[in-house]
């Protein structure tokens, strides 16, 4: 974690807390190597998260388009 924390603009404690959350979520795994811990992304879990986020954003954008088109239609009808 020390090498990772040195590259980030947050405290080692904050990095440790974030890694714990990612580990608890199954997005990161760790294993000991002497006095160090080696962290790795879980590519399967990250891909599943990415798929969920893509689905969420696609639905949100589709809803936004529907709302704006509906509002534009109403404004056109009022102007007629």
PDB file of N, CA and C in Angstrom:
ATOM      1  N   UNK A   1       0.822  -1.180   0.000  1.00  0.00           N
ATOM      2  CA  UNK A   1       0.000   0.000   0.000  1.00  0.00           C
ATOM      3  C   UNK A   1       0.870   1.249   0.000  1.00  0.00           C
ATOM      4  N   UNK A   2       2.059   1.169   0.564  1.00  0.00           N
ATOM      5  CA  UNK A   2       2.918   2.338   0.645  1.00  0.00           C
ATOM      6  C   UNK A   2       3.230   2.939  -0.709  1.00  0.00           C
ATOM      7  N   UNK A   3       3.547   2.099  -1.696  1.00  0.00           N
ATOM      8  CA  UNK A   3       3.833   2.604  -3.040  1.00  0.00           C
ATOM      9  C   UNK A   3       2.592   3.233  -3.653  1.00  0.00           C
ATOM     10  N   UNK A   4       1.461   2.603  -3.452  1.00  0.00           N
ATOM     11  CA  UNK A   4       0.201   3.129  -3.973  1.00  0.00           C
ATOM     12  C   UNK A   4      -0.134   4.458  -3.301  1.00  0.00           C
ATOM     13  N   UNK A   5      -0.034   4.498  -1.982  1.00  0.00           N
ATOM     14  CA  UNK A   5      -0.377   5.708  -1.229  1.00  0.00           C
ATOM     15  C   UNK A   5       0.540   6.867  -1.603  1.00  0.00           C
ATOM     16  N   UNK A   6       1.798   6.576  -1.896  1.00  0.00           N
ATOM     17  CA  UNK A   6       2.747   7.641  -2.240  1.00  0.00           C
ATOM     18  C   UNK A   6       2.355   8.349  -3.538  1.00  0.00           C
ATOM     19  N   UNK A   7       1.598   7.680  -4.398  1.00  0.00           N
ATOM     20  CA  UNK A   7       1.196   8.245  -5.684  1.00  0.00           C
ATOM     21  C   UNK A   7      -0.116   9.026  -5.618  1.00  0.00           C
ATOM     22  N   UNK A   8      -0.779   8.991  -4.472  1.00  0.00           N
ATOM     23  CA  UNK A   8      -2.103   9.596  -4.351  1.00  0.00           C
ATOM     24  C   UNK A   8      -2.091  10.804  -3.422  1.00  0.00           C
ATOM     25  N   UNK A   9      -2.975  11.772  -3.679  1.00  0.00           N
ATOM     26  CA  UNK A   9      -3.011  12.988  -2.854  1.00  0.00           C
ATOM     27  C   UNK A   9      -3.862  12.840  -1.594  1.00  0.00           C
ATOM     28  N   UNK A  10      -3.852  11.642  -0.993  1.00  0.00           N
ATOM     29  CA  UNK A  10      -4.600  11.402   0.240  1.00  0.00           C
ATOM     30  C   UNK A  10      -3.686  10.676   1.219  1.00  0.00           C
ATOM     31  N   UNK A  11      -4.112  10.571   2.457  1.00  0.00           N
ATOM     32  CA  UNK A  11      -3.298   9.930   3.483  1.00  0.00           C
ATOM     33  C   UNK A  11      -3.262   8.422   3.295  1.00  0.00           C
ATOM     34  N   UNK A  12      -2.268   7.794   3.901  1.00  0.00           N
ATOM     35  CA  UNK A  12      -2.175   6.323   3.870  1.00  0.00           C
ATOM     36  C   UNK A  12      -3.409   5.709   4.506  1.00  0.00           C
ATOM     37  N   UNK A  13      -3.909   6.355   5.553  1.00  0.00           N
ATOM     38  CA  UNK A  13      -5.107   5.863   6.227  1.00  0.00           C
ATOM     39  C   UNK A  13      -6.304   5.855   5.271  1.00  0.00           C
ATOM     40  N   UNK A  14      -6.443   6.922   4.490  1.00  0.00           N
ATOM     41  CA  UNK A  14      -7.548   6.996   3.528  1.00  0.00           C
ATOM     42  C   UNK A  14      -7.401   5.913   2.461  1.00  0.00           C
ATOM     43  N   UNK A  15      -6.184   5.694   1.984  1.00  0.00           N
ATOM     44  CA  UNK A  15      -5.947   4.646   0.986  1.00  0.00           C
ATOM     45  C   UNK A  15      -6.313   3.286   1.581  1.00  0.00           C
ATOM     46  N   UNK A  16      -5.910   3.048   2.813  1.00  0.00           N
ATOM     47  CA  UNK A  16      -6.223   1.792   3.488  1.00  0.00           C
ATOM     48  C   UNK A  16      -7.735   1.586   3.605  1.00  0.00           C
ATOM     49  N   UNK A  17      -8.454   2.640   3.977  1.00  0.00           N
ATOM     50  CA  UNK A  17      -9.914   2.545   4.098  1.00  0.00           C
ATOM     51  C   UNK A  17     -10.560   2.256   2.748  1.00  0.00           C
ATOM     52  N   UNK A  18     -10.085   2.925   1.699  1.00  0.00           N
ATOM     53  CA  UNK A  18     -10.649   2.691   0.364  1.00  0.00           C
ATOM     54  C   UNK A  18     -10.359   1.269  -0.110  1.00  0.00           C
ATOM     55  N   UNK A  19      -9.153   0.795   0.126  1.00  0.00           N
ATOM     56  CA  UNK A  19      -8.814  -0.575  -0.275  1.00  0.00           C
ATOM     57  C   UNK A  19      -9.677  -1.588   0.467  1.00  0.00           C
ATOM     58  N   UNK A  20      -9.956  -1.333   1.746  1.00  0.00           N
ATOM     59  CA  UNK A  20     -10.821  -2.245   2.503  1.00  0.00           C
ATOM     60  C   UNK A  20     -12.218  -2.293   1.891  1.00  0.00           C
ATOM     61  N   UNK A  21     -12.748  -1.144   1.528  1.00  0.00           N
ATOM     62  CA  UNK A  21     -14.086  -1.095   0.919  1.00  0.00           C
ATOM     63  C   UNK A  21     -14.081  -1.856  -0.410  1.00  0.00           C
ATOM     64  N   UNK A  22     -13.057  -1.613  -1.228  1.00  0.00           N
ATOM     65  CA  UNK A  22     -12.966  -2.313  -2.519  1.00  0.00           C
ATOM     66  C   UNK A  22     -12.815  -3.814  -2.315  1.00  0.00           C
ATOM     67  N   UNK A  23     -12.037  -4.209  -1.305  1.00  0.00           N
ATOM     68  CA  UNK A  23     -11.855  -5.624  -1.003  1.00  0.00           C
ATOM     69  C   UNK A  23     -13.162  -6.245  -0.526  1.00  0.00           C
ATOM     70  N   UNK A  24     -13.867  -5.550   0.379  1.00  0.00           N
ATOM     71  CA  UNK A  24     -15.152  -6.051   0.884  1.00  0.00           C
ATOM     72  C   UNK A  24     -16.171  -6.199  -0.240  1.00  0.00           C
ATOM     73  N   UNK A  25     -16.072  -5.340  -1.257  1.00  0.00           N
ATOM     74  CA  UNK A  25     -16.997  -5.395  -2.393  1.00  0.00           C
ATOM     75  C   UNK A  25     -16.577  -6.456  -3.417  1.00  0.00           C
ATOM     76  N   UNK A  26     -15.400  -7.051  -3.218  1.00  0.00           N
ATOM     77  CA  UNK A  26     -14.931  -8.072  -4.144  1.00  0.00           C
ATOM     78  C   UNK A  26     -14.259  -7.516  -5.386  1.00  0.00           C
ATOM     79  N   UNK A  27     -13.997  -6.214  -5.399  1.00  0.00           N
ATOM     80  CA  UNK A  27     -13.371  -5.598  -6.575  1.00  0.00           C
ATOM     81  C   UNK A  27     -11.849  -5.703  -6.540  1.00  0.00           C
ATOM     82  N   UNK A  28     -11.294  -5.927  -5.334  1.00  0.00           N
ATOM     83  CA  UNK A  28      -9.849  -6.012  -5.146  1.00  0.00           C
ATOM     84  C   UNK A  28      -9.556  -7.221  -4.268  1.00  0.00           C
ATOM     85  N   UNK A  29      -8.466  -7.896  -4.565  1.00  0.00           N
ATOM     86  CA  UNK A  29      -8.006  -8.971  -3.688  1.00  0.00           C
ATOM     87  C   UNK A  29      -6.622  -8.598  -3.174  1.00  0.00           C
ATOM     88  N   UNK A  30      -6.223  -9.207  -2.089  1.00  0.00           N
ATOM     89  CA  UNK A  30      -4.896  -8.948  -1.550  1.00  0.00           C
ATOM     90  C   UNK A  30      -4.267 -10.259  -1.104  1.00  0.00           C
ATOM     91  N   UNK A  31      -2.960 -10.304  -1.155  1.00  0.00           N
ATOM     92  CA  UNK A  31      -2.248 -11.431  -0.559  1.00  0.00           C
ATOM     93  C   UNK A  31      -0.915 -10.931  -0.010  1.00  0.00           C
ATOM     94  N   UNK A  32      -0.486 -11.557   1.090  1.00  0.00           N
ATOM     95  CA  UNK A  32       0.752 -11.112   1.712  1.00  0.00           C
ATOM     96  C   UNK A  32       1.973 -11.557   0.911  1.00  0.00           C
ATOM     97  N   UNK A  33       2.987 -10.704   0.909  1.00  0.00           N
ATOM     98  CA  UNK A  33       4.279 -11.020   0.298  1.00  0.00           C
ATOM     99  C   UNK A  33       5.342 -10.483   1.249  1.00  0.00           C
ATOM    100  N   UNK A  34       5.737 -11.297   2.208  1.00  0.00           N
ATOM    101  CA  UNK A  34       6.658 -10.825   3.244  1.00  0.00           C
ATOM    102  C   UNK A  34       5.949  -9.839   4.140  1.00  0.00           C
ATOM    103  N   UNK A  35       6.520  -8.658   4.285  1.00  0.00           N
ATOM    104  CA  UNK A  35       5.893  -7.623   5.120  1.00  0.00           C
ATOM    105  C   UNK A  35       4.947  -6.737   4.326  1.00  0.00           C
ATOM    106  N   UNK A  36       4.798  -7.018   3.066  1.00  0.00           N
ATOM    107  CA  UNK A  36       3.945  -6.192   2.190  1.00  0.00           C
ATOM    108  C   UNK A  36       2.655  -6.922   1.864  1.00  0.00           C
ATOM    109  N   UNK A  37       1.708  -6.180   1.362  1.00  0.00           N
ATOM    110  CA  UNK A  37       0.453  -6.733   0.842  1.00  0.00           C
ATOM    111  C   UNK A  37       0.389  -6.368  -0.631  1.00  0.00           C
ATOM    112  N   UNK A  38       0.067  -7.343  -1.447  1.00  0.00           N
ATOM    113  CA  UNK A  38      -0.078  -7.112  -2.885  1.00  0.00           C
ATOM    114  C   UNK A  38      -1.573  -7.058  -3.192  1.00  0.00           C
ATOM    115  N   UNK A  39      -1.997  -5.973  -3.830  1.00  0.00           N
ATOM    116  CA  UNK A  39      -3.403  -5.782  -4.191  1.00  0.00           C
ATOM    117  C   UNK A  39      -3.568  -5.955  -5.685  1.00  0.00           C
ATOM    118  N   UNK A  40      -4.660  -6.610  -6.060  1.00  0.00           N
ATOM    119  CA  UNK A  40      -4.982  -6.810  -7.476  1.00  0.00           C
ATOM    120  C   UNK A  40      -6.463  -6.545  -7.703  1.00  0.00           C
ATOM    121  N   UNK A  41      -6.745  -5.948  -8.854  1.00  0.00           N
ATOM    122  CA  UNK A  41      -8.149  -5.809  -9.258  1.00  0.00           C
ATOM    123  C   UNK A  41      -8.701  -7.168  -9.624  1.00  0.00           C
ATOM    124  N   UNK A  42      -9.961  -7.373  -9.335  1.00  0.00           N
ATOM    125  CA  UNK A  42     -10.660  -8.580  -9.760  1.00  0.00           C
ATOM    126  C   UNK A  42     -11.329  -8.222 -11.085  1.00  0.00           C
ATOM    127  N   UNK A  43     -10.759  -8.658 -12.222  1.00  0.00           N
ATOM    128  CA  UNK A  43     -11.289  -8.214 -13.510  1.00  0.00           C
ATOM    129  C   UNK A  43     -12.736  -8.634 -13.758  1.00  0.00           C
ATOM    130  N   UNK A  44     -13.144  -9.777 -13.234  1.00  0.00           N
ATOM    131  CA  UNK A  44     -14.525 -10.221 -13.413  1.00  0.00           C
ATOM    132  C   UNK A  44     -15.485  -9.301 -12.672  1.00  0.00           C
ATOM    133  N   UNK A  45     -15.139  -8.964 -11.433  1.00  0.00           N
ATOM    134  CA  UNK A  45     -15.996  -8.083 -10.644  1.00  0.00           C
ATOM    135  C   UNK A  45     -16.023  -6.673 -11.216  1.00  0.00           C
ATOM    136  N   UNK A  46     -14.875  -6.189 -11.681  1.00  0.00           N
ATOM    137  CA  UNK A  46     -14.824  -4.852 -12.278  1.00  0.00           C
ATOM    138  C   UNK A  46     -15.664  -4.817 -13.561  1.00  0.00           C
ATOM    139  N   UNK A  47     -15.606  -5.878 -14.353  1.00  0.00           N
ATOM    140  CA  UNK A  47     -16.411  -5.940 -15.581  1.00  0.00           C
ATOM    141  C   UNK A  47     -17.902  -5.953 -15.242  1.00  0.00           C
ATOM    142  N   UNK A  48     -18.280  -6.672 -14.191  1.00  0.00           N
ATOM    143  CA  UNK A  48     -19.691  -6.706 -13.778  1.00  0.00           C
ATOM    144  C   UNK A  48     -20.144  -5.326 -13.302  1.00  0.00           C
ATOM    145  N   UNK A  49     -19.292  -4.642 -12.541  1.00  0.00           N
ATOM    146  CA  UNK A  49     -19.616  -3.286 -12.096  1.00  0.00           C
ATOM    147  C   UNK A  49     -19.756  -2.356 -13.286  1.00  0.00           C
ATOM    148  N   UNK A  50     -18.841  -2.464 -14.229  1.00  0.00           N
ATOM    149  CA  UNK A  50     -18.896  -1.627 -15.429  1.00  0.00           C
ATOM    150  C   UNK A  50     -20.197  -1.862 -16.194  1.00  0.00           C
ATOM    151  N   UNK A  51     -20.600  -3.112 -16.297  1.00  0.00           N
ATOM    152  CA  UNK A  51     -21.849  -3.445 -16.986  1.00  0.00           C
ATOM    153  C   UNK A  51     -23.042  -2.817 -16.265  1.00  0.00           C
ATOM    154  N   UNK A  52     -23.050  -2.884 -14.937  1.00  0.00           N
ATOM    155  CA  UNK A  52     -24.142  -2.272 -14.177  1.00  0.00           C
ATOM    156  C   UNK A  52     -24.173  -0.760 -14.366  1.00  0.00           C
ATOM    157  N   UNK A  53     -23.008  -0.133 -14.330  1.00  0.00           N
ATOM    158  CA  UNK A  53     -22.952   1.320 -14.514  1.00  0.00           C
ATOM    159  C   UNK A  53     -23.371   1.722 -15.931  1.00  0.00           C
ATOM    160  N   UNK A  54     -22.930   0.952 -16.932  1.00  0.00           N
ATOM    161  CA  UNK A  54     -23.345   1.233 -18.309  1.00  0.00           C
ATOM    162  C   UNK A  54     -24.856   1.143 -18.453  1.00  0.00           C
ATOM    163  N   UNK A  55     -25.448   0.107 -17.841  1.00  0.00           N
ATOM    164  CA  UNK A  55     -26.903  -0.067 -17.898  1.00  0.00           C
ATOM    165  C   UNK A  55     -27.603   1.092 -17.202  1.00  0.00           C
ATOM    166  N   UNK A  56     -27.106   1.487 -16.031  1.00  0.00           N
ATOM    167  CA  UNK A  56     -27.693   2.603 -15.297  1.00  0.00           C
ATOM    168  C   UNK A  56     -27.652   3.875 -16.133  1.00  0.00           C
ATOM    169  N   UNK A  57     -26.484   4.200 -16.691  1.00  0.00           N
ATOM    170  CA  UNK A  57     -26.351   5.447 -17.448  1.00  0.00           C
ATOM    171  C   UNK A  57     -27.168   5.408 -18.733  1.00  0.00           C
ATOM    172  N   UNK A  58     -27.254   4.254 -19.368  1.00  0.00           N
ATOM    173  CA  UNK A  58     -28.062   4.157 -20.582  1.00  0.00           C
ATOM    174  C   UNK A  58     -29.530   4.418 -20.265  1.00  0.00           C
ATOM    175  N   UNK A  59     -30.009   3.853 -19.174  1.00  0.00           N
ATOM    176  CA  UNK A  59     -31.402   4.100 -18.759  1.00  0.00           C
ATOM    177  C   UNK A  59     -31.612   5.571 -18.407  1.00  0.00           C
ATOM    178  N   UNK A  60     -30.651   6.153 -17.687  1.00  0.00           N
ATOM    179  CA  UNK A  60     -30.778   7.562 -17.299  1.00  0.00           C
ATOM    180  C   UNK A  60     -30.792   8.465 -18.521  1.00  0.00           C
ATOM    181  N   UNK A  61     -29.912   8.201 -19.471  1.00  0.00           N
ATOM    182  CA  UNK A  61     -29.866   9.026 -20.685  1.00  0.00           C
ATOM    183  C   UNK A  61     -31.122   8.854 -21.534  1.00  0.00           C
ATOM    184  N   UNK A  62     -31.613   7.634 -21.613  1.00  0.00           N
ATOM    185  CA  UNK A  62     -32.850   7.384 -22.359  1.00  0.00           C
ATOM    186  C   UNK A  62     -34.012   8.131 -21.709  1.00  0.00           C
ATOM    187  N   UNK A  63     -34.082   8.098 -20.393  1.00  0.00           N
ATOM    188  CA  UNK A  63     -35.142   8.822 -19.682  1.00  0.00           C
ATOM    189  C   UNK A  63     -35.015  10.320 -19.906  1.00  0.00           C
ATOM    190  N   UNK A  64     -33.801  10.827 -19.906  1.00  0.00           N
ATOM    191  CA  UNK A  64     -33.575  12.253 -20.143  1.00  0.00           C
ATOM    192  C   UNK A  64     -34.060  12.645 -21.534  1.00  0.00           C
ATOM    193  N   UNK A  65     -33.735  11.837 -22.527  1.00  0.00           N
ATOM    194  CA  UNK A  65     -34.185  12.119 -23.893  1.00  0.00           C
ATOM    195  C   UNK A  65     -35.707  12.107 -23.947  1.00  0.00           C
ATOM    196  N   UNK A  66     -36.328  11.119 -23.314  1.00  0.00           N
ATOM    197  CA  UNK A  66     -37.793  11.035 -23.308  1.00  0.00           C
ATOM    198  C   UNK A  66     -38.415  12.285 -22.678  1.00  0.00           C
ATOM    199  N   UNK A  67     -37.864  12.733 -21.558  1.00  0.00           N
ATOM    200  CA  UNK A  67     -38.409  13.905 -20.863  1.00  0.00           C
ATOM    201  C   UNK A  67     -38.231  15.158 -21.709  1.00  0.00           C
ATOM    202  N   UNK A  68     -37.046  15.333 -22.289  1.00  0.00           N
ATOM    203  CA  UNK A  68     -36.817  16.550 -23.074  1.00  0.00           C
ATOM    204  C   UNK A  68     -37.649  16.554 -24.350  1.00  0.00           C
ATOM    205  N   UNK A  69     -37.816  15.398 -24.969  1.00  0.00           N
ATOM    206  CA  UNK A  69     -38.669  15.342 -26.169  1.00  0.00           C
ATOM    207  C   UNK A  69     -40.119  15.634 -25.804  1.00  0.00           C
ATOM    208  N   UNK A  70     -40.572  15.103 -24.685  1.00  0.00           N
ATOM    209  CA  UNK A  70     -41.943  15.339 -24.237  1.00  0.00           C
ATOM    210  C   UNK A  70     -42.148  16.836 -23.944  1.00  0.00           C
ATOM    211  N   UNK A  71     -41.165  17.447 -23.269  1.00  0.00           N
ATOM    212  CA  UNK A  71     -41.265  18.875 -22.963  1.00  0.00           C
ATOM    213  C   UNK A  71     -41.260  19.702 -24.248  1.00  0.00           C
ATOM    214  N   UNK A  72     -40.452  19.319 -25.233  1.00  0.00           N
ATOM    215  CA  UNK A  72     -40.411  20.037 -26.498  1.00  0.00           C
ATOM    216  C   UNK A  72     -41.737  19.900 -27.231  1.00  0.00           C
ATOM    217  N   UNK A  73     -42.327  18.711 -27.193  1.00  0.00           N
ATOM    218  CA  UNK A  73     -43.636  18.499 -27.830  1.00  0.00           C
ATOM    219  C   UNK A  73     -44.705  19.374 -27.171  1.00  0.00           C
ATOM    220  N   UNK A  74     -44.675  19.458 -25.850  1.00  0.00           N
ATOM    221  CA  UNK A  74     -45.661  20.273 -25.145  1.00  0.00           C
ATOM    222  C   UNK A  74     -45.493  21.755 -25.491  1.00  0.00           C
ATOM    223  N   UNK A  75     -44.247  22.215 -25.597  1.00  0.00           N
ATOM    224  CA  UNK A  75     -44.009  23.608 -25.939  1.00  0.00           C
ATOM    225  C   UNK A  75     -44.476  23.902 -27.367  1.00  0.00           C
ATOM    226  N   UNK A  76     -44.306  22.948 -28.271  1.00  0.00           N
ATOM    227  CA  UNK A  76     -44.752  23.113 -29.653  1.00  0.00           C
ATOM    228  C   UNK A  76     -46.282  23.178 -29.709  1.00  0.00           C
ATOM    229  N   UNK A  77     -46.944  22.309 -28.924  1.00  0.00           N
ATOM    230  CA  UNK A  77     -48.396  22.287 -28.903  1.00  0.00           C
ATOM    231  C   UNK A  77     -48.950  23.592 -28.319  1.00  0.00           C
ATOM    232  N   UNK A  78     -48.300  24.134 -27.296  1.00  0.00           N
ATOM    233  CA  UNK A  78     -48.755  25.381 -26.690  1.00  0.00           C
ATOM    234  C   UNK A  78     -48.597  26.558 -27.627  1.00  0.00           C
ATOM    235  N   UNK A  79     -47.574  26.506 -28.477  1.00  0.00           N
ATOM    236  CA  UNK A  79     -47.310  27.590 -29.396  1.00  0.00           C
ATOM    237  C   UNK A  79     -48.205  27.559 -30.630  1.00  0.00           C
ATOM    238  N   UNK A  80     -48.912  26.485 -30.829  1.00  0.00           N
ATOM    239  CA  UNK A  80     -49.767  26.375 -32.030  1.00  0.00           C
ATOM    240  C   UNK A  80     -51.041  27.137 -31.902  1.00  0.00           C
TER     241      UNK A  80
END
